[in-house]
Amino acid sequence: MNLQFISDSSGKTTGIFIPIKEWNEIKCKYKGIEREELDIPSWQMQEVRKRLKDYKNNPKQALDFNTTMDDIEKGL
């Protein structure tokens, strides 16, 4: 893929240019990618809100991702 990065005067990347041919290929591969919004089902939003509330009420119950993955891999 021939991407071109766009930077501001301080060198911070502010955008990316994708050639139209490659963009069209991506759109064919990933249907709906050009939409600005995704339709998230209400049941899924409710579940995320519930999990966030549970976390805020007891943040110590959350597991560290890397430690958990290491534990899982040890068991394989």
C-alpha atoms as a PDB file:
ATOM      1  CA  MET A   1       0.000   0.000   0.000  1.00  0.00           C
ATOM      2  CA  ASN A   2       1.371   3.375  -1.012  1.00  0.00           C
ATOM      3  CA  LEU A   3       0.303   5.662   1.863  1.00  0.00           C
ATOM      4  CA  GLN A   4       1.443   9.254   2.171  1.00  0.00           C
ATOM      5  CA  PHE A   5       1.496  10.826   5.617  1.00  0.00           C
ATOM      6  CA  ILE A   6       0.590  14.487   6.030  1.00  0.00           C
ATOM      7  CA  SER A   7       2.395  16.447   8.770  1.00  0.00           C
ATOM      8  CA  ASP A   8       2.033  19.899  10.254  1.00  0.00           C
ATOM      9  CA  SER A   9       4.882  22.418  10.581  1.00  0.00           C
ATOM     10  CA  SER A  10       6.097  20.772  13.815  1.00  0.00           C
ATOM     11  CA  GLY A  11       6.337  17.359  12.167  1.00  0.00           C
ATOM     12  CA  LYS A  12       3.252  15.906  13.881  1.00  0.00           C
ATOM     13  CA  THR A  13       1.305  13.560  11.606  1.00  0.00           C
ATOM     14  CA  THR A  14      -2.127  15.084  11.008  1.00  0.00           C
ATOM     15  CA  GLY A  15      -3.496  12.961   8.191  1.00  0.00           C
ATOM     16  CA  ILE A  16      -2.940  10.293   5.606  1.00  0.00           C
ATOM     17  CA  PHE A  17      -3.453  10.103   1.866  1.00  0.00           C
ATOM     18  CA  ILE A  18      -4.582   6.812   0.339  1.00  0.00           C
ATOM     19  CA  PRO A  19      -4.526   6.582  -3.457  1.00  0.00           C
ATOM     20  CA  ILE A  20      -8.074   6.205  -4.829  1.00  0.00           C
ATOM     21  CA  LYS A  21      -7.347   2.820  -6.432  1.00  0.00           C
ATOM     22  CA  GLU A  22      -6.242   1.414  -3.093  1.00  0.00           C
ATOM     23  CA  TRP A  23      -9.164   3.074  -1.264  1.00  0.00           C
ATOM     24  CA  ASN A  24     -11.604   1.415  -3.669  1.00  0.00           C
ATOM     25  CA  GLU A  25      -9.941  -1.960  -3.044  1.00  0.00           C
ATOM     26  CA  ILE A  26     -10.280  -1.449   0.716  1.00  0.00           C
ATOM     27  CA  LYS A  27     -13.954  -0.504   0.320  1.00  0.00           C
ATOM     28  CA  CYS A  28     -14.600  -3.710  -1.623  1.00  0.00           C
ATOM     29  CA  LYS A  29     -12.838  -5.804   0.994  1.00  0.00           C
ATOM     30  CA  TYR A  30     -14.439  -4.123   4.030  1.00  0.00           C
ATOM     31  CA  LYS A  31     -18.047  -3.294   3.187  1.00  0.00           C
ATOM     32  CA  GLY A  32     -19.333  -0.166   4.907  1.00  0.00           C
ATOM     33  CA  ILE A  33     -15.903   1.176   5.872  1.00  0.00           C
ATOM     34  CA  GLU A  34     -16.669   4.546   4.297  1.00  0.00           C
ATOM     35  CA  ARG A  35     -19.565   5.184   6.690  1.00  0.00           C
ATOM     36  CA  GLU A  36     -18.838   7.706   9.404  1.00  0.00           C
ATOM     37  CA  GLU A  37     -20.945   5.929  11.991  1.00  0.00           C
ATOM     38  CA  LEU A  38     -21.445   2.332  12.847  1.00  0.00           C
ATOM     39  CA  ASP A  39     -24.818   1.053  13.927  1.00  0.00           C
ATOM     40  CA  ILE A  40     -24.226  -0.444  17.348  1.00  0.00           C
ATOM     41  CA  PRO A  41     -27.142  -2.507  18.644  1.00  0.00           C
ATOM     42  CA  SER A  42     -28.774  -1.127  21.793  1.00  0.00           C
ATOM     43  CA  TRP A  43     -28.185  -4.409  23.681  1.00  0.00           C
ATOM     44  CA  GLN A  44     -24.461  -4.027  23.036  1.00  0.00           C
ATOM     45  CA  MET A  45     -24.432  -0.416  24.252  1.00  0.00           C
ATOM     46  CA  GLN A  46     -26.292  -1.497  27.414  1.00  0.00           C
ATOM     47  CA  GLU A  47     -23.702  -4.220  28.039  1.00  0.00           C
ATOM     48  CA  VAL A  48     -20.809  -1.776  27.634  1.00  0.00           C
ATOM     49  CA  ARG A  49     -22.477   0.699  30.009  1.00  0.00           C
ATOM     50  CA  LYS A  50     -23.031  -2.099  32.555  1.00  0.00           C
ATOM     51  CA  ARG A  51     -19.389  -3.191  32.359  1.00  0.00           C
ATOM     52  CA  LEU A  52     -18.152   0.398  32.721  1.00  0.00           C
ATOM     53  CA  LYS A  53     -20.371   0.876  35.766  1.00  0.00           C
ATOM     54  CA  ASP A  54     -19.099  -2.400  37.271  1.00  0.00           C
ATOM     55  CA  TYR A  55     -15.508  -1.287  36.678  1.00  0.00           C
ATOM     56  CA  LYS A  56     -16.073   2.158  38.195  1.00  0.00           C
ATOM     57  CA  ASN A  57     -17.655   0.548  41.263  1.00  0.00           C
ATOM     58  CA  ASN A  58     -14.770  -1.901  41.729  1.00  0.00           C
ATOM     59  CA  PRO A  59     -11.703  -1.130  39.569  1.00  0.00           C
ATOM     60  CA  LYS A  60      -9.564  -3.636  41.492  1.00  0.00           C
ATOM     61  CA  GLN A  61     -11.562  -6.523  40.024  1.00  0.00           C
ATOM     62  CA  ALA A  62     -10.093  -5.785  36.576  1.00  0.00           C
ATOM     63  CA  LEU A  63      -7.205  -7.938  35.426  1.00  0.00           C
ATOM     64  CA  ASP A  64      -4.058  -6.656  33.764  1.00  0.00           C
ATOM     65  CA  PHE A  65      -4.174  -7.678  30.095  1.00  0.00           C
ATOM     66  CA  ASN A  66      -0.503  -8.666  29.717  1.00  0.00           C
ATOM     67  CA  THR A  67      -0.437 -10.642  32.962  1.00  0.00           C
ATOM     68  CA  THR A  68      -3.650 -12.435  32.042  1.00  0.00           C
ATOM     69  CA  MET A  69      -2.344 -13.310  28.576  1.00  0.00           C
ATOM     70  CA  ASP A  70       0.881 -14.654  30.099  1.00  0.00           C
ATOM     71  CA  ASP A  71      -1.153 -16.837  32.469  1.00  0.00           C
ATOM     72  CA  ILE A  72      -3.279 -18.156  29.606  1.00  0.00           C
ATOM     73  CA  GLU A  73      -0.234 -18.925  27.470  1.00  0.00           C
ATOM     74  CA  LYS A  74       1.412 -20.814  30.342  1.00  0.00           C
ATOM     75  CA  GLY A  75      -1.618 -23.077  30.457  1.00  0.00           C
ATOM     76  CA  LEU A  76      -1.455 -23.971  26.777  1.00  0.00           C
END
